[in-house]
Amino acid sequence: ESDRLLRWGQMPGPLTTSSLGVDLKSVLQIAYGHETLQHRRFHVLPYLCFSLFTADRSFDFICPDEHAAMCFVLALSRVCTSAVGRVMTRSEFTSRKGWCKVKEYCRYSGLSVPQAFLNAIRGRELQNELEGAIFAHTPPAQHAQPRNMEDDGHLAAPGTVVEHDAQRRPSGGSSVQTTYVGSGRRKNWPKPGETWVFTGSVYDVVVHRDRECTEWANRLKCRSSSGSERQTVTILSAQSGERAAEIRGTDKMRFVRGWIHLTDDSGAWLLE
């Protein structure tokens, strides 16, 4: 009981007697997500933030990832038995984190929660209609499993046109695939470590947590707050032929990290 302290210090440690800390017996409230203030002060994701309130002050923390945030919040909720706002189960934390992401999406999009859900339902219905129409008008020869075609190191993005030029045949007799991306220009695929800039064709892009781009994480504006400069990103991971790439923001947006689509639904590139 006498050693119930949470202490922290500079990396890589170790912690010393002079390290900062808080007596967990004095914690009156545990705040998570949008209940905290640091996500607005430092422009970080709210579901990575938690705060401890005592009678004298608050202690604000920003976690490196969602798993660390969950471990801290659940552990502190068990130790701070008299605190308000405790999260006692993993499922409860997952639920609060999910709603936190929904609210953050609505804040960036300027939508209410009902409007966001309605748009998501309509968007899925429209996508299903488009996929059905595209498949219905696709020649039978193109119903085969799609694959990435290569021509001099340039690969075709999903949804782009791949033409077979029968007149360009090497001596071996096999056909050469010519790839066109977006407006018809060939384009090299991003490579890890490269810095690319948004084309500015859209206002912002959705950043996802997973390679399949199914789990929303954040939104990244394609231009600076003044609108005069286009944002840049650093490529962390990309595979030729895949529509998604893992990126990290630069400068003040360096905290944004995740997977984004390289092209829009029409095949136009969002980065260059």
Protein backbone atom coordinates (compact mmCIF):
# COMPACT_ATOMS: atom_id res chain seq x y z
CA GLU A 1 0.00 0.00 0.00
CA SER A 2 2.82 2.42 0.89
CA ASP A 3 4.57 1.84 -2.46
CA ARG A 4 1.56 2.42 -4.73
CA LEU A 5 3.32 4.97 -6.92
CA LEU A 6 3.38 5.61 -10.66
CA ARG A 7 6.79 6.99 -11.62
CA TRP A 8 8.30 8.11 -14.92
CA GLY A 9 11.51 9.61 -16.25
CA GLN A 10 13.69 10.12 -19.29
CA MET A 11 14.50 7.21 -21.59
CA PRO A 12 16.30 4.86 -21.50
CA GLY A 13 16.21 4.96 -17.69
CA PRO A 14 16.59 3.62 -15.09
CA LEU A 15 14.25 5.54 -12.80
CA THR A 16 15.91 7.29 -9.89
CA THR A 17 14.70 8.68 -6.59
CA SER A 18 14.41 12.09 -8.25
CA SER A 19 12.06 10.81 -10.97
CA LEU A 20 8.60 12.32 -11.15
CA GLY A 21 5.64 10.34 -9.87
CA VAL A 22 2.16 10.35 -8.43
CA ASP A 23 0.72 8.52 -5.46
CA LEU A 24 -2.06 6.42 -6.96
CA LYS A 25 -3.98 6.51 -3.67
CA SER A 26 -4.54 10.24 -4.29
CA VAL A 27 -6.06 9.78 -7.77
CA LEU A 28 -9.68 10.94 -7.83
CA GLN A 29 -10.49 10.49 -11.51
CA ILE A 30 -9.17 8.62 -14.55
CA ALA A 31 -9.94 10.30 -17.89
CA TYR A 32 -9.53 8.70 -21.31
CA GLY A 33 -9.92 9.86 -24.89
CA HIS A 34 -11.85 13.05 -25.50
CA GLU A 35 -12.12 13.59 -21.74
CA THR A 36 -8.45 14.62 -21.78
CA LEU A 37 -6.98 17.88 -23.05
CA GLN A 38 -3.57 16.87 -24.40
CA HIS A 39 -4.93 15.48 -27.69
CA ARG A 40 -6.02 19.01 -28.60
CA ARG A 41 -2.92 20.72 -27.28
CA PHE A 42 -0.52 18.46 -29.15
CA HIS A 43 -2.79 17.32 -32.03
CA VAL A 44 -2.50 13.62 -31.20
CA LEU A 45 -5.07 10.85 -31.43
CA PRO A 46 -7.40 11.06 -28.41
CA TYR A 47 -7.62 7.30 -27.94
CA LEU A 48 -3.90 7.27 -27.13
CA CYS A 49 -4.34 9.73 -24.24
CA PHE A 50 -5.30 9.36 -20.58
CA SER A 51 -5.10 11.63 -17.54
CA LEU A 52 -4.99 11.16 -13.78
CA PHE A 53 -6.64 13.82 -11.62
CA THR A 54 -5.77 14.47 -7.99
CA ALA A 55 -7.06 17.16 -5.67
CA ASP A 56 -4.13 19.41 -6.65
CA ARG A 57 -3.52 18.88 -10.37
CA SER A 58 -3.77 16.56 -13.37
CA PHE A 59 -1.11 14.27 -14.85
CA ASP A 60 -1.48 13.89 -18.63
CA PHE A 61 -0.01 11.02 -20.65
CA ILE A 62 0.25 10.16 -24.37
CA CYS A 63 0.85 6.49 -25.17
CA PRO A 64 2.86 5.23 -28.17
CA ASP A 65 0.10 2.89 -29.35
CA GLU A 66 -3.37 1.58 -28.53
CA HIS A 67 -2.10 -1.51 -26.70
CA ALA A 68 -0.04 0.59 -24.30
CA ALA A 69 -3.03 2.86 -23.66
CA MET A 70 -5.22 -0.15 -22.89
CA CYS A 71 -2.65 -1.66 -20.49
CA PHE A 72 -2.21 1.61 -18.58
CA VAL A 73 -5.94 2.40 -18.32
CA LEU A 74 -6.94 -1.13 -17.23
CA ALA A 75 -4.08 -1.47 -14.73
CA LEU A 76 -4.66 1.96 -13.21
CA SER A 77 -8.40 1.29 -13.01
CA ARG A 78 -7.73 -1.77 -10.86
CA VAL A 79 -5.24 -0.01 -8.60
CA CYS A 80 -7.09 3.31 -8.13
CA THR A 81 -10.08 1.73 -6.42
CA SER A 82 -11.73 5.00 -5.37
CA ALA A 83 -11.27 6.90 -8.63
CA VAL A 84 -14.11 7.96 -10.91
CA GLY A 85 -14.02 6.90 -14.57
CA ARG A 86 -12.40 3.51 -14.12
CA VAL A 87 -12.49 1.02 -17.01
CA MET A 88 -12.66 -2.46 -15.55
CA THR A 89 -12.77 -4.79 -18.56
CA ARG A 90 -11.05 -5.08 -21.91
CA SER A 91 -14.37 -5.11 -23.76
CA GLU A 92 -15.39 -1.86 -22.05
CA PHE A 93 -12.10 -0.25 -23.09
CA THR A 94 -12.55 -1.47 -26.68
CA SER A 95 -16.05 0.01 -26.75
CA ARG A 96 -14.86 3.38 -25.46
CA LYS A 97 -11.96 3.39 -27.91
CA GLY A 98 -14.31 2.61 -30.80
CA TRP A 99 -16.66 5.46 -29.93
CA CYS A 100 -13.65 7.70 -29.52
CA LYS A 101 -12.64 6.94 -33.12
CA VAL A 102 -16.18 7.57 -34.36
CA LYS A 103 -16.29 10.97 -32.63
CA GLU A 104 -12.86 11.87 -33.97
CA TYR A 105 -13.93 11.01 -37.52
CA CYS A 106 -17.07 13.12 -37.11
CA ARG A 107 -15.03 16.04 -35.77
CA TYR A 108 -12.69 15.97 -38.78
CA SER A 109 -15.55 15.52 -41.23
CA GLY A 110 -17.88 18.11 -39.72
CA LEU A 111 -20.65 15.53 -39.32
CA SER A 112 -22.88 14.44 -36.50
CA VAL A 113 -22.72 10.80 -35.42
CA PRO A 114 -26.09 9.92 -37.09
CA GLN A 115 -24.95 11.63 -40.32
CA ALA A 116 -21.68 9.66 -40.29
CA PHE A 117 -23.50 6.34 -39.90
CA LEU A 118 -26.00 7.26 -42.60
CA ASN A 119 -23.20 8.25 -45.00
CA ALA A 120 -21.38 4.99 -44.28
CA ILE A 121 -24.51 2.96 -45.09
CA ARG A 122 -25.17 4.92 -48.29
CA GLY A 123 -21.53 4.68 -49.31
CA ARG A 124 -21.52 0.92 -48.91
CA GLU A 125 -24.74 0.59 -50.92
CA LEU A 126 -23.27 2.76 -53.69
CA GLN A 127 -20.07 0.73 -53.70
CA ASN A 128 -22.03 -2.50 -54.07
CA GLU A 129 -24.00 -1.01 -56.96
CA LEU A 130 -20.82 0.17 -58.72
CA GLU A 131 -19.09 -3.18 -58.26
CA GLY A 132 -22.13 -4.95 -59.69
CA ALA A 133 -22.30 -2.59 -62.66
CA ILE A 134 -18.58 -2.91 -63.40
CA PHE A 135 -18.71 -6.69 -63.24
CA ALA A 136 -21.80 -6.80 -65.46
CA HIS A 137 -20.08 -4.74 -68.19
CA THR A 138 -16.69 -6.48 -68.00
CA PRO A 139 -15.89 -8.78 -70.95
CA PRO A 140 -15.77 -12.47 -69.98
CA ALA A 141 -12.02 -12.66 -70.68
CA GLN A 142 -11.38 -10.15 -67.86
CA HIS A 143 -13.27 -12.07 -65.18
CA ALA A 144 -10.11 -13.95 -64.29
CA GLN A 145 -8.34 -13.26 -60.99
CA PRO A 146 -6.63 -9.83 -61.29
CA ARG A 147 -2.86 -9.82 -61.07
CA ASN A 148 -0.13 -7.22 -61.15
CA MET A 149 1.36 -6.71 -64.61
CA GLU A 150 4.91 -5.52 -65.12
CA ASP A 151 6.53 -3.50 -67.91
CA ASP A 152 10.07 -2.21 -67.41
CA GLY A 153 9.57 -2.08 -63.64
CA HIS A 154 6.27 -0.13 -63.80
CA LEU A 155 3.30 -1.91 -62.29
CA ALA A 156 -0.39 -1.34 -62.75
CA ALA A 157 -2.42 -0.15 -59.79
CA PRO A 158 -5.69 -1.91 -58.98
CA GLY A 159 -8.38 -0.48 -61.23
CA THR A 160 -5.95 0.73 -63.91
CA VAL A 161 -5.94 -0.34 -67.54
CA VAL A 162 -3.55 -3.04 -68.71
CA GLU A 163 -3.18 -3.38 -72.46
CA HIS A 164 -1.36 -6.07 -74.39
CA ASP A 165 0.52 -4.67 -77.36
CA ALA A 166 0.64 -7.45 -79.93
CA GLN A 167 3.04 -5.47 -82.13
CA ARG A 168 5.69 -5.18 -79.42
CA ARG A 169 7.01 -8.68 -79.02
CA PRO A 170 10.51 -9.66 -78.01
CA SER A 171 12.37 -12.31 -79.95
CA GLY A 172 11.04 -14.99 -77.63
CA GLY A 173 7.53 -14.36 -78.94
CA SER A 174 5.84 -13.46 -75.62
CA SER A 175 3.70 -10.34 -75.47
CA VAL A 176 4.74 -7.23 -73.56
CA GLN A 177 2.27 -5.68 -71.11
CA THR A 178 1.94 -1.90 -71.31
CA THR A 179 0.56 -0.27 -68.16
CA TYR A 180 -1.24 3.04 -67.87
CA VAL A 181 -2.02 4.67 -64.54
CA GLY A 182 -4.59 7.44 -63.98
CA SER A 183 -4.30 9.86 -66.89
CA GLY A 184 -2.30 7.38 -68.97
CA ARG A 185 1.24 8.09 -67.78
CA ARG A 186 3.54 5.40 -66.51
CA LYS A 187 4.43 5.83 -62.84
CA ASN A 188 7.06 4.32 -60.59
CA TRP A 189 5.81 2.75 -57.37
CA PRO A 190 6.79 4.38 -54.04
CA LYS A 191 9.69 2.85 -52.18
CA PRO A 192 10.37 2.82 -48.41
CA GLY A 193 12.31 5.88 -47.30
CA GLU A 194 11.09 8.12 -50.14
CA THR A 195 9.21 11.36 -49.53
CA TRP A 196 6.14 11.94 -51.69
CA VAL A 197 3.80 14.92 -51.92
CA PHE A 198 0.02 14.91 -52.26
CA THR A 199 -1.32 15.93 -55.65
CA GLY A 200 -3.96 18.10 -53.98
CA SER A 201 -6.79 16.51 -55.94
CA VAL A 202 -8.65 15.79 -52.68
CA TYR A 203 -8.99 17.74 -49.44
CA ASP A 204 -7.82 14.95 -47.15
CA VAL A 205 -7.21 11.20 -47.06
CA VAL A 206 -8.22 8.55 -44.58
CA VAL A 207 -5.38 6.89 -42.68
CA HIS A 208 -5.99 3.27 -41.69
CA ARG A 209 -4.39 1.01 -39.11
CA ASP A 210 -4.16 -2.06 -41.35
CA ARG A 211 -2.82 -2.89 -44.80
CA GLU A 212 -6.31 -3.82 -46.03
CA CYS A 213 -7.51 -0.29 -45.12
CA THR A 214 -10.53 -1.53 -43.19
CA GLU A 215 -9.88 0.04 -39.76
CA TRP A 216 -10.02 3.83 -39.60
CA ALA A 217 -7.25 5.54 -37.61
CA ASN A 218 -7.08 9.21 -38.61
CA ARG A 219 -7.49 11.75 -41.39
CA LEU A 220 -4.59 13.61 -42.99
CA LYS A 221 -5.10 16.91 -44.79
CA CYS A 222 -3.45 17.09 -48.19
CA ARG A 223 -2.55 20.77 -47.78
CA SER A 224 -1.20 22.91 -44.96
CA SER A 225 -3.57 24.88 -42.74
CA SER A 226 -3.04 27.95 -44.93
CA GLY A 227 -3.81 25.91 -48.07
CA SER A 228 -0.77 27.24 -49.91
CA GLU A 229 1.52 24.21 -49.53
CA ARG A 230 0.87 20.54 -50.21
CA GLN A 231 1.61 18.08 -47.44
CA THR A 232 4.37 15.51 -47.80
CA VAL A 233 4.61 12.00 -46.37
CA THR A 234 7.43 9.51 -45.87
CA ILE A 235 6.88 6.03 -47.31
CA LEU A 236 7.43 3.36 -44.63
CA SER A 237 6.23 0.29 -46.49
CA ALA A 238 4.97 -0.27 -50.04
CA GLN A 239 4.75 -3.22 -52.40
CA SER A 240 4.61 -2.83 -56.15
CA GLY A 241 1.10 -3.32 -57.47
CA GLU A 242 -0.69 -2.78 -54.16
CA ARG A 243 -3.04 0.16 -53.87
CA ALA A 244 -2.13 0.90 -50.23
CA ALA A 245 1.14 2.05 -48.68
CA GLU A 246 2.23 2.67 -45.11
CA ILE A 247 3.18 6.30 -44.53
CA ARG A 248 4.23 8.71 -41.83
CA GLY A 249 3.50 12.45 -41.88
CA THR A 250 6.32 14.98 -41.93
CA ASP A 251 7.10 18.06 -39.82
CA LYS A 252 4.16 18.87 -37.54
CA MET A 253 2.18 15.89 -38.86
CA ARG A 254 4.91 13.36 -38.06
CA PHE A 255 2.71 11.77 -35.39
CA VAL A 256 0.31 10.53 -38.11
CA ARG A 257 1.19 7.02 -39.20
CA GLY A 258 -0.77 4.32 -41.00
CA TRP A 259 -1.91 3.00 -44.39
CA ILE A 260 -3.44 5.12 -47.13
CA HIS A 261 -4.68 4.47 -50.66
CA LEU A 262 -2.28 5.59 -53.37
CA THR A 263 -5.05 6.11 -55.92
CA ASP A 264 -8.68 7.11 -55.81
CA ASP A 265 -11.54 4.97 -57.10
CA SER A 266 -10.99 6.22 -60.67
CA GLY A 267 -7.30 5.21 -60.64
CA ALA A 268 -5.93 8.79 -60.32
CA TRP A 269 -2.88 9.02 -58.10
CA LEU A 270 -3.12 10.90 -54.79
CA LEU A 271 0.68 11.15 -54.40
CA GLU A 272 3.46 12.17 -56.75
